[in-house]
Protein backbone atom coordinates (compact mmCIF):
# COMPACT_ATOMS: atom_id res chain seq x y z
CA MET A 1 -139.21 -106.18 -34.59
CA THR A 2 -138.71 -102.44 -34.98
CA ASN A 3 -141.05 -99.53 -35.00
CA GLY A 4 -142.27 -98.01 -38.20
CA SER A 5 -144.10 -94.82 -39.07
CA LYS A 6 -147.63 -94.65 -37.77
CA SER A 7 -150.42 -95.56 -40.15
CA GLN A 8 -153.11 -92.96 -40.95
CA PRO A 9 -156.23 -93.13 -38.77
CA ARG A 10 -159.22 -94.83 -40.41
CA THR A 11 -162.87 -94.15 -39.70
CA ARG A 12 -164.64 -96.90 -37.89
CA ARG A 13 -167.78 -96.52 -40.00
CA SER A 14 -166.16 -98.72 -42.64
CA ILE A 15 -165.43 -101.55 -40.19
CA THR A 16 -167.91 -104.26 -39.30
CA LEU A 17 -167.74 -104.95 -35.60
CA ALA A 18 -166.52 -108.49 -34.92
CA ALA A 19 -169.12 -110.63 -33.19
CA THR A 20 -168.19 -111.04 -29.59
CA ALA A 21 -169.63 -114.54 -29.70
CA ALA A 22 -166.65 -115.50 -31.79
CA LEU A 23 -164.54 -115.21 -28.68
CA ALA A 24 -166.17 -118.41 -27.50
CA LEU A 25 -165.60 -117.51 -23.89
CA ALA A 26 -169.09 -117.13 -22.64
CA ALA A 27 -172.66 -116.89 -23.95
CA PRO A 28 -173.45 -113.49 -25.55
CA LEU A 29 -174.68 -110.90 -23.10
CA ALA A 30 -177.14 -108.20 -23.85
CA ALA A 31 -175.76 -104.68 -24.27
CA GLY A 32 -177.10 -101.83 -22.23
CA SER A 33 -176.18 -99.08 -19.86
CA PRO A 34 -173.73 -99.79 -17.03
CA ALA A 35 -175.34 -102.07 -14.50
CA LEU A 36 -174.61 -103.81 -11.25
CA ALA A 37 -172.50 -106.86 -11.94
CA ASP A 38 -174.24 -110.08 -10.97
CA ALA A 39 -173.41 -111.85 -7.69
CA ASN A 40 -170.99 -114.31 -9.17
CA PHE A 41 -168.86 -111.75 -10.95
CA PRO A 42 -166.81 -112.03 -8.89
CA SER A 43 -168.13 -113.71 -5.74
CA PRO A 44 -166.85 -113.25 -2.23
CA ASN A 45 -168.34 -116.69 -1.59
CA GLY A 46 -166.78 -118.24 -4.65
CA ASN A 47 -164.20 -121.01 -4.56
CA THR A 48 -160.88 -120.68 -6.26
CA ASN A 49 -160.29 -124.04 -7.92
CA LEU A 50 -156.59 -123.95 -8.68
CA SER A 51 -156.77 -126.99 -10.89
CA SER A 52 -158.79 -124.94 -13.39
CA MET A 53 -156.02 -122.33 -13.75
CA LEU A 54 -153.74 -122.60 -16.70
CA ASP A 55 -150.26 -123.69 -15.66
CA TYR A 56 -146.97 -123.44 -17.52
CA ALA A 57 -147.45 -126.70 -19.40
CA ASP A 58 -150.89 -125.52 -20.48
CA LEU A 59 -149.34 -122.25 -21.74
CA VAL A 60 -146.79 -124.09 -23.91
CA SER A 61 -149.49 -126.46 -25.21
CA GLU A 62 -151.90 -123.63 -26.03
CA LEU A 63 -149.23 -121.58 -27.84
CA GLU A 64 -148.24 -124.62 -29.92
CA LYS A 65 -151.90 -125.20 -30.77
CA LEU A 66 -152.43 -121.53 -31.70
CA GLU A 67 -149.37 -121.57 -33.92
CA LYS A 68 -150.56 -124.71 -35.75
CA THR A 69 -154.10 -123.49 -36.26
CA SER A 70 -153.26 -119.89 -37.15
CA ARG A 71 -154.40 -118.64 -40.53
CA PHE A 72 -152.44 -115.40 -40.32
CA GLY A 73 -148.87 -116.22 -39.36
CA LEU A 74 -148.93 -116.40 -35.54
CA ASP A 75 -145.43 -117.28 -34.30
CA ALA A 76 -144.75 -118.51 -30.75
CA PHE A 77 -141.19 -118.65 -29.59
CA THR A 78 -138.87 -118.36 -26.59
CA LEU A 79 -136.58 -115.49 -25.64
CA ALA A 80 -133.67 -117.85 -26.31
CA GLU A 81 -134.91 -118.00 -29.95
CA ALA A 82 -135.30 -114.23 -29.97
CA GLY A 83 -131.65 -113.88 -28.89
CA THR A 84 -131.79 -112.16 -25.55
CA ALA A 85 -128.77 -112.66 -23.28
CA VAL A 86 -130.97 -113.80 -20.37
CA ASN A 87 -133.82 -115.92 -21.63
CA THR A 88 -135.18 -118.23 -18.91
CA SER A 89 -136.93 -117.77 -15.58
CA GLU A 90 -135.18 -118.03 -12.23
CA THR A 91 -135.80 -121.78 -12.21
CA GLY A 92 -134.82 -122.20 -15.83
CA ARG A 93 -138.20 -122.24 -17.58
CA ASP A 94 -138.27 -120.84 -21.10
CA LEU A 95 -139.87 -117.40 -21.33
CA TYR A 96 -142.40 -117.22 -24.18
CA VAL A 97 -143.64 -114.60 -26.59
CA ALA A 98 -146.10 -114.82 -29.46
CA THR A 99 -146.19 -112.43 -32.41
CA VAL A 100 -148.87 -111.89 -35.04
CA GLY A 101 -149.64 -109.16 -37.53
CA ASN A 102 -147.50 -107.31 -40.06
CA GLY A 103 -148.33 -103.72 -39.31
CA PRO A 104 -145.73 -100.95 -39.12
CA GLU A 105 -146.07 -100.36 -35.38
CA ALA A 106 -145.36 -102.83 -32.60
CA VAL A 107 -147.78 -103.30 -29.70
CA TRP A 108 -146.80 -104.93 -26.39
CA LEU A 109 -149.43 -106.95 -24.45
CA GLN A 110 -148.51 -108.74 -21.25
CA GLY A 111 -150.25 -110.65 -18.50
CA ARG A 112 -149.63 -112.62 -15.32
CA ILE A 113 -146.58 -110.69 -14.19
CA HIS A 114 -148.02 -111.66 -10.83
CA GLY A 115 -148.27 -115.43 -10.66
CA ASN A 116 -151.49 -115.46 -8.61
CA GLU A 117 -153.39 -113.33 -11.19
CA PRO A 118 -154.35 -116.03 -13.69
CA TYR A 119 -156.80 -114.52 -16.15
CA GLY A 120 -154.19 -112.34 -17.88
CA THR A 121 -152.94 -115.58 -19.41
CA ASP A 122 -156.41 -116.76 -20.52
CA SER A 123 -157.34 -113.34 -21.87
CA LEU A 124 -154.23 -112.93 -23.97
CA LEU A 125 -154.43 -116.42 -25.38
CA ALA A 126 -158.03 -115.64 -26.39
CA VAL A 127 -156.85 -112.42 -28.12
CA LEU A 128 -154.10 -114.36 -29.85
CA LYS A 129 -156.67 -116.83 -31.13
CA GLU A 130 -158.73 -114.02 -32.68
CA LEU A 131 -155.68 -112.32 -34.18
CA GLY A 132 -154.44 -115.65 -35.55
CA THR A 133 -157.72 -117.00 -36.99
CA ASN A 134 -160.43 -114.34 -37.21
CA GLY A 135 -160.88 -113.00 -40.79
CA SER A 136 -163.38 -110.26 -39.89
CA PRO A 137 -162.63 -106.68 -41.03
CA GLU A 138 -161.91 -105.59 -37.47
CA TRP A 139 -159.26 -108.17 -36.70
CA LYS A 140 -157.85 -107.80 -40.22
CA LEU A 141 -157.45 -104.04 -39.54
CA LEU A 142 -155.52 -104.83 -36.34
CA ARG A 143 -153.14 -107.24 -38.11
CA GLU A 144 -152.55 -104.66 -40.85
CA SER A 145 -152.01 -101.78 -38.43
CA TYR A 146 -149.82 -103.45 -35.85
CA THR A 147 -147.37 -106.24 -35.14
CA PHE A 148 -148.37 -107.68 -31.75
CA HIS A 149 -145.86 -108.98 -29.23
CA VAL A 150 -147.82 -110.88 -26.62
CA ILE A 151 -146.54 -112.29 -23.34
CA PRO A 152 -149.36 -114.38 -21.81
CA MET A 153 -147.35 -115.54 -18.77
CA TYR A 154 -144.58 -113.14 -17.77
CA ASN A 155 -143.97 -114.94 -14.45
CA PRO A 156 -144.07 -118.73 -15.01
CA ASP A 157 -142.37 -119.62 -11.71
CA GLY A 158 -144.81 -117.60 -9.65
CA SER A 159 -147.69 -119.01 -11.71
CA GLU A 160 -146.62 -122.51 -10.84
CA LEU A 161 -146.47 -121.63 -7.13
CA ASN A 162 -149.64 -119.49 -7.21
CA ILE A 163 -147.71 -116.58 -5.65
CA ARG A 164 -147.38 -112.96 -6.64
CA HIS A 165 -143.58 -113.06 -6.90
CA THR A 166 -140.78 -114.95 -8.45
CA VAL A 167 -138.18 -116.51 -6.12
CA LEU A 168 -134.48 -115.87 -6.65
CA GLN A 169 -132.38 -119.00 -7.11
CA ASP A 170 -129.15 -117.45 -5.78
CA GLY A 171 -129.41 -119.15 -2.39
CA THR A 172 -131.34 -116.33 -0.79
CA GLU A 173 -134.82 -117.46 -1.86
CA LYS A 174 -135.72 -113.76 -1.93
CA ARG A 175 -139.11 -113.04 -3.39
CA ILE A 176 -139.16 -110.43 -6.11
CA ASP A 177 -142.22 -108.56 -7.32
CA LEU A 178 -141.51 -108.50 -11.04
CA ASN A 179 -143.75 -105.47 -11.45
CA ARG A 180 -141.34 -103.45 -9.31
CA ASP A 181 -138.11 -104.75 -10.83
CA TRP A 182 -137.55 -102.49 -13.79
CA GLY A 183 -135.58 -99.54 -12.39
CA VAL A 184 -132.26 -98.11 -11.46
CA GLY A 185 -130.58 -100.53 -9.09
CA LYS A 186 -133.25 -103.17 -9.73
CA PHE A 187 -133.30 -106.02 -12.27
CA GLU A 188 -132.72 -108.64 -9.58
CA ALA A 189 -134.69 -111.38 -11.35
CA ALA A 190 -133.84 -113.15 -14.59
CA GLU A 191 -137.34 -112.57 -15.98
CA SER A 192 -136.83 -108.85 -15.73
CA GLU A 193 -133.54 -108.96 -17.58
CA GLY A 194 -134.91 -111.10 -20.39
CA TYR A 195 -138.15 -109.24 -21.06
CA TYR A 196 -136.52 -105.81 -20.72
CA GLU A 197 -133.98 -106.66 -23.42
CA TYR A 198 -136.78 -107.95 -25.61
CA TRP A 199 -138.63 -104.70 -25.08
CA THR A 200 -135.59 -102.79 -26.30
CA MET A 201 -135.59 -105.00 -29.43
CA VAL A 202 -139.28 -104.36 -30.09
CA ASP A 203 -139.61 -100.61 -29.35
CA PRO A 204 -143.43 -100.77 -29.08
CA ALA A 205 -145.74 -97.88 -29.86
CA PHE A 206 -147.85 -98.62 -26.72
CA ALA A 207 -148.40 -101.33 -24.13
CA VAL A 208 -151.13 -102.88 -22.00
CA ASP A 209 -150.68 -104.93 -18.82
CA VAL A 210 -153.45 -107.24 -17.53
CA HIS A 211 -153.81 -107.72 -13.75
CA HIS A 212 -156.14 -108.78 -10.95
CA GLN A 213 -157.18 -106.92 -7.83
CA GLY A 214 -159.23 -107.61 -4.70
CA LEU A 215 -162.96 -107.13 -4.43
CA LYS A 216 -164.13 -103.53 -4.31
CA THR A 217 -167.28 -101.44 -4.65
CA GLU A 218 -167.88 -98.09 -6.23
CA ARG A 219 -167.71 -95.05 -4.00
CA GLY A 220 -171.19 -93.74 -3.35
CA ASP A 221 -173.54 -96.33 -4.86
CA GLY A 222 -171.74 -99.43 -3.55
CA ASP A 223 -172.01 -101.35 -6.80
CA GLU A 224 -169.57 -104.20 -7.24
CA VAL A 225 -166.62 -103.19 -9.45
CA THR A 226 -165.61 -105.85 -12.00
CA LEU A 227 -162.82 -103.90 -13.78
CA SER A 228 -160.55 -101.01 -12.81
CA LEU A 229 -158.66 -98.85 -15.28
CA GLY A 230 -155.21 -97.63 -14.32
CA VAL A 231 -152.10 -95.74 -15.31
CA SER A 232 -149.05 -96.52 -13.18
CA LEU A 233 -147.76 -92.93 -13.43
CA ALA A 234 -150.85 -91.05 -12.34
CA PRO A 235 -152.34 -88.68 -14.88
CA GLY A 236 -151.88 -85.16 -13.58
CA GLY A 237 -149.52 -86.53 -10.92
CA PRO A 238 -145.92 -85.61 -10.09
CA THR A 239 -144.32 -87.48 -13.00
CA LEU A 240 -146.41 -88.11 -16.13
CA PRO A 241 -147.06 -84.46 -17.18
CA GLY A 242 -143.27 -84.01 -17.51
CA ILE A 243 -142.77 -86.90 -19.91
CA GLN A 244 -142.74 -86.32 -23.70
CA GLY A 245 -144.07 -82.82 -23.20
CA GLY A 246 -147.20 -84.21 -21.57
CA ALA A 247 -148.16 -86.34 -24.53
CA TYR A 248 -148.47 -89.57 -22.50
CA ASP A 249 -150.45 -87.72 -19.82
CA VAL A 250 -153.02 -87.02 -22.54
CA LEU A 251 -152.94 -90.30 -24.51
CA THR A 252 -153.15 -92.65 -21.51
CA ARG A 253 -156.28 -90.81 -20.38
CA GLN A 254 -157.75 -90.99 -23.87
CA MET A 255 -157.05 -94.74 -23.98
CA GLN A 256 -158.88 -95.44 -20.77
CA VAL A 257 -161.75 -93.05 -21.49
CA HIS A 258 -162.34 -94.96 -24.73
CA VAL A 259 -162.33 -98.29 -22.92
CA TYR A 260 -164.71 -96.95 -20.31
CA ASP A 261 -167.16 -95.68 -22.98
CA GLU A 262 -167.06 -98.79 -25.11
CA LEU A 263 -167.41 -101.28 -22.29
CA SER A 264 -170.23 -99.34 -20.63
CA LYS A 265 -172.67 -100.74 -23.20
CA TYR A 266 -172.20 -104.23 -21.68
CA GLY A 267 -174.48 -104.81 -18.73
CA PHE A 268 -172.16 -107.22 -16.95
CA ILE A 269 -169.14 -104.92 -16.68
CA ASN A 270 -168.87 -102.27 -13.95
CA ILE A 271 -165.87 -100.00 -14.13
CA ASP A 272 -163.96 -97.54 -11.96
CA ARG A 273 -160.50 -95.99 -11.80
CA TYR A 274 -157.75 -97.91 -10.04
CA ASP A 275 -156.31 -96.65 -6.79
CA VAL A 276 -154.71 -98.21 -3.73
CA GLY A 277 -157.46 -97.03 -1.40
CA ARG A 278 -158.88 -93.79 0.00
CA GLY A 279 -158.14 -91.79 -3.09
CA VAL A 280 -154.41 -92.65 -3.19
CA GLU A 281 -153.29 -93.17 -6.77
CA ILE A 282 -150.04 -94.84 -7.81
CA ASP A 283 -147.07 -92.97 -9.23
CA ILE A 284 -144.42 -95.67 -9.22
CA LYS A 285 -141.34 -95.43 -11.41
CA GLY A 286 -140.18 -99.02 -10.75
CA GLY A 287 -143.16 -100.64 -12.45
CA VAL A 288 -142.60 -102.29 -15.82
CA VAL A 289 -145.05 -100.11 -17.75
CA SER A 290 -143.82 -97.05 -15.84
CA ALA A 291 -140.25 -97.74 -16.91
CA MET A 292 -141.52 -98.02 -20.50
CA MET A 293 -143.03 -94.56 -20.29
CA LEU A 294 -139.88 -93.18 -18.72
CA GLY A 295 -137.68 -94.64 -21.45
CA LEU A 296 -135.40 -96.48 -18.97
CA ASN A 297 -131.94 -97.19 -20.30
CA HIS A 298 -130.75 -100.25 -18.34
CA ASP A 299 -127.31 -101.66 -18.98
CA GLY A 300 -126.95 -99.50 -22.09
CA LEU A 301 -129.65 -101.46 -23.97
CA ASN A 302 -131.85 -98.42 -24.69
CA PRO A 303 -129.36 -95.67 -25.61
CA GLU A 304 -131.84 -93.95 -27.92
CA GLY A 305 -134.23 -93.53 -24.96
CA HIS A 306 -137.22 -95.22 -26.59
CA SER A 307 -140.38 -94.82 -24.52
CA ASN A 308 -144.03 -95.62 -25.02
CA PRO A 309 -147.37 -94.91 -23.31
CA ALA A 310 -148.81 -97.78 -21.32
CA ILE A 311 -151.96 -98.56 -19.27
CA PHE A 312 -153.25 -101.48 -17.26
CA PHE A 313 -156.49 -103.31 -16.47
CA GLU A 314 -157.41 -104.83 -13.12
CA THR A 315 -159.96 -107.63 -13.05
CA SER A 316 -161.65 -107.97 -9.60
CA GLY A 317 -161.19 -111.24 -7.76
CA ASN A 318 -157.96 -113.07 -6.99
CA THR A 319 -156.68 -116.39 -5.84
CA SER A 320 -155.16 -115.00 -2.63
CA ASP A 321 -158.52 -114.55 -0.87
CA GLY A 322 -160.49 -117.14 -2.79
CA SER A 323 -162.71 -114.56 -4.47
CA LEU A 324 -162.44 -115.47 -8.14
CA GLY A 325 -165.59 -117.59 -8.14
CA GLN A 326 -165.64 -120.30 -10.84
CA LYS A 327 -168.97 -119.04 -12.27
CA ALA A 328 -167.28 -115.70 -13.02
CA ARG A 329 -164.40 -117.16 -15.06
CA GLY A 330 -165.97 -116.66 -18.50
CA LYS A 331 -167.11 -113.15 -17.74
CA SER A 332 -163.78 -112.14 -16.15
CA ILE A 333 -161.88 -113.26 -19.23
CA LYS A 334 -164.43 -111.85 -21.64
CA GLN A 335 -164.30 -108.32 -20.14
CA ASN A 336 -160.54 -108.30 -20.56
CA VAL A 337 -160.79 -109.40 -24.17
CA LEU A 338 -163.46 -106.83 -24.93
CA ALA A 339 -161.35 -104.11 -23.25
CA LEU A 340 -158.33 -105.02 -25.33
CA GLN A 341 -160.30 -105.36 -28.51
CA GLU A 342 -162.06 -101.98 -28.13
CA LEU A 343 -158.82 -100.24 -27.22
CA LEU A 344 -156.82 -101.70 -30.07
CA VAL A 345 -159.44 -100.97 -32.67
CA GLY A 346 -159.86 -97.47 -31.28
CA MET A 347 -156.13 -96.87 -31.56
CA ALA A 348 -156.03 -98.25 -35.11
CA THR A 349 -158.96 -96.11 -36.32
CA GLY A 350 -157.81 -92.99 -34.52
CA GLU A 351 -160.94 -92.87 -32.33
CA VAL A 352 -158.89 -93.00 -29.17
CA GLN A 353 -156.84 -90.01 -30.20
CA GLN A 354 -160.02 -87.98 -30.62
CA GLU A 355 -161.33 -88.67 -27.07
CA ASP A 356 -161.48 -85.83 -24.59
CA PRO A 357 -158.77 -86.59 -22.01
CA ALA A 358 -160.55 -84.45 -19.39
CA ARG A 359 -163.26 -87.13 -19.28
CA TRP A 360 -160.82 -89.27 -17.32
CA ASP A 361 -162.36 -87.52 -14.33
CA GLU A 362 -165.80 -88.91 -15.31
CA ILE A 363 -164.69 -92.49 -14.67
CA PRO A 364 -165.97 -93.29 -11.16
CA HIS A 365 -163.22 -92.73 -8.54
CA ALA A 366 -162.60 -91.36 -5.07
CA PRO A 367 -161.31 -87.82 -4.89
CA VAL A 368 -157.53 -87.94 -5.31
CA THR A 369 -155.93 -87.21 -1.93
CA ALA A 370 -152.35 -88.43 -2.50
CA TYR A 371 -149.92 -90.37 -4.65
CA GLN A 372 -148.16 -93.62 -3.72
CA THR A 373 -144.61 -93.19 -5.00
CA ASP A 374 -141.52 -95.40 -4.79
CA SER A 375 -140.35 -93.43 -1.76
CA GLY A 376 -143.66 -93.13 0.04
CA VAL A 377 -147.01 -91.28 -0.05
CA ILE A 378 -147.09 -87.61 -0.99
CA PRO A 379 -150.16 -85.33 -0.83
CA ALA A 380 -152.08 -84.49 -4.02
CA SER A 381 -151.09 -80.85 -3.43
CA PHE A 382 -147.41 -81.70 -4.17
């Protein structure tokens, strides 16, 4: 579970693109230039049928099934089996990870850190299925380049309750946002302790976090946004340029530029940059993927100061306002899988590292006016 030296970039010309139909998530959709997403993707009039969302028992069942049907050594296990000191959720549920691949670099993929953001689980289970069973050159390349550590349901307690948070079981019933619980003076929840220690055991080369957001439209043309691309320490902001000599400030932009370009050929996906409204971008140090980039050393578990670049995806539609829309389920999951697939192959071939980071500004977004930090909003002219 340790990092190795990075494999040499390979040209993508030698790789046959895996058929997206193999994902078996939705009927194939015609490629084309970016287009307005259809009315049910997502739908403000859609119903959120909670019975259709994968629950914790479904997660365990699906992981067991994937392990049994895997052709390429997929292993599903609990943090207790991995040997972390804290290894269950606040209510005592086992915390699961699945690994697959035998490449020299570790990759961390996580979803559903917020319990009411369900499709991170579905999307990562779909990716695990391809990694575990798909023999195409593209998925073979990924298994040879990386060892994947996949957490499809980071927050099982919140998922069962369909709430964003986990709930402390210390008598206070305090709700904890797990995506703000990796930081100095934090780590209030058991899930944070367990997965942080596992991260220090893995030392990944990079990480991706899969989320949901509310409905939104593009600035200017008003097109419905189906996917937002984000970096939790804002590129060019007050923090990221000072980390690793600016290397992550460059690479995280390149990662998202690559995803934007590759997904733009699908007519059902409409992309912008993530912000919290009115051009305010996030620059939070207490977020999980932010702490990864900062090389947080909590409780002496990361004395070497390992850090890694990390990005996140935000699928539009959530359970809180009933805007998921059942007709959009297949497309919502499929766009996440495509985003992950294109990013991972681009990293493995070296295409991502050749992208122009300045093109981050070409991804539709409102002019940056300020940054939302852990201590409040600061102007972009900081």
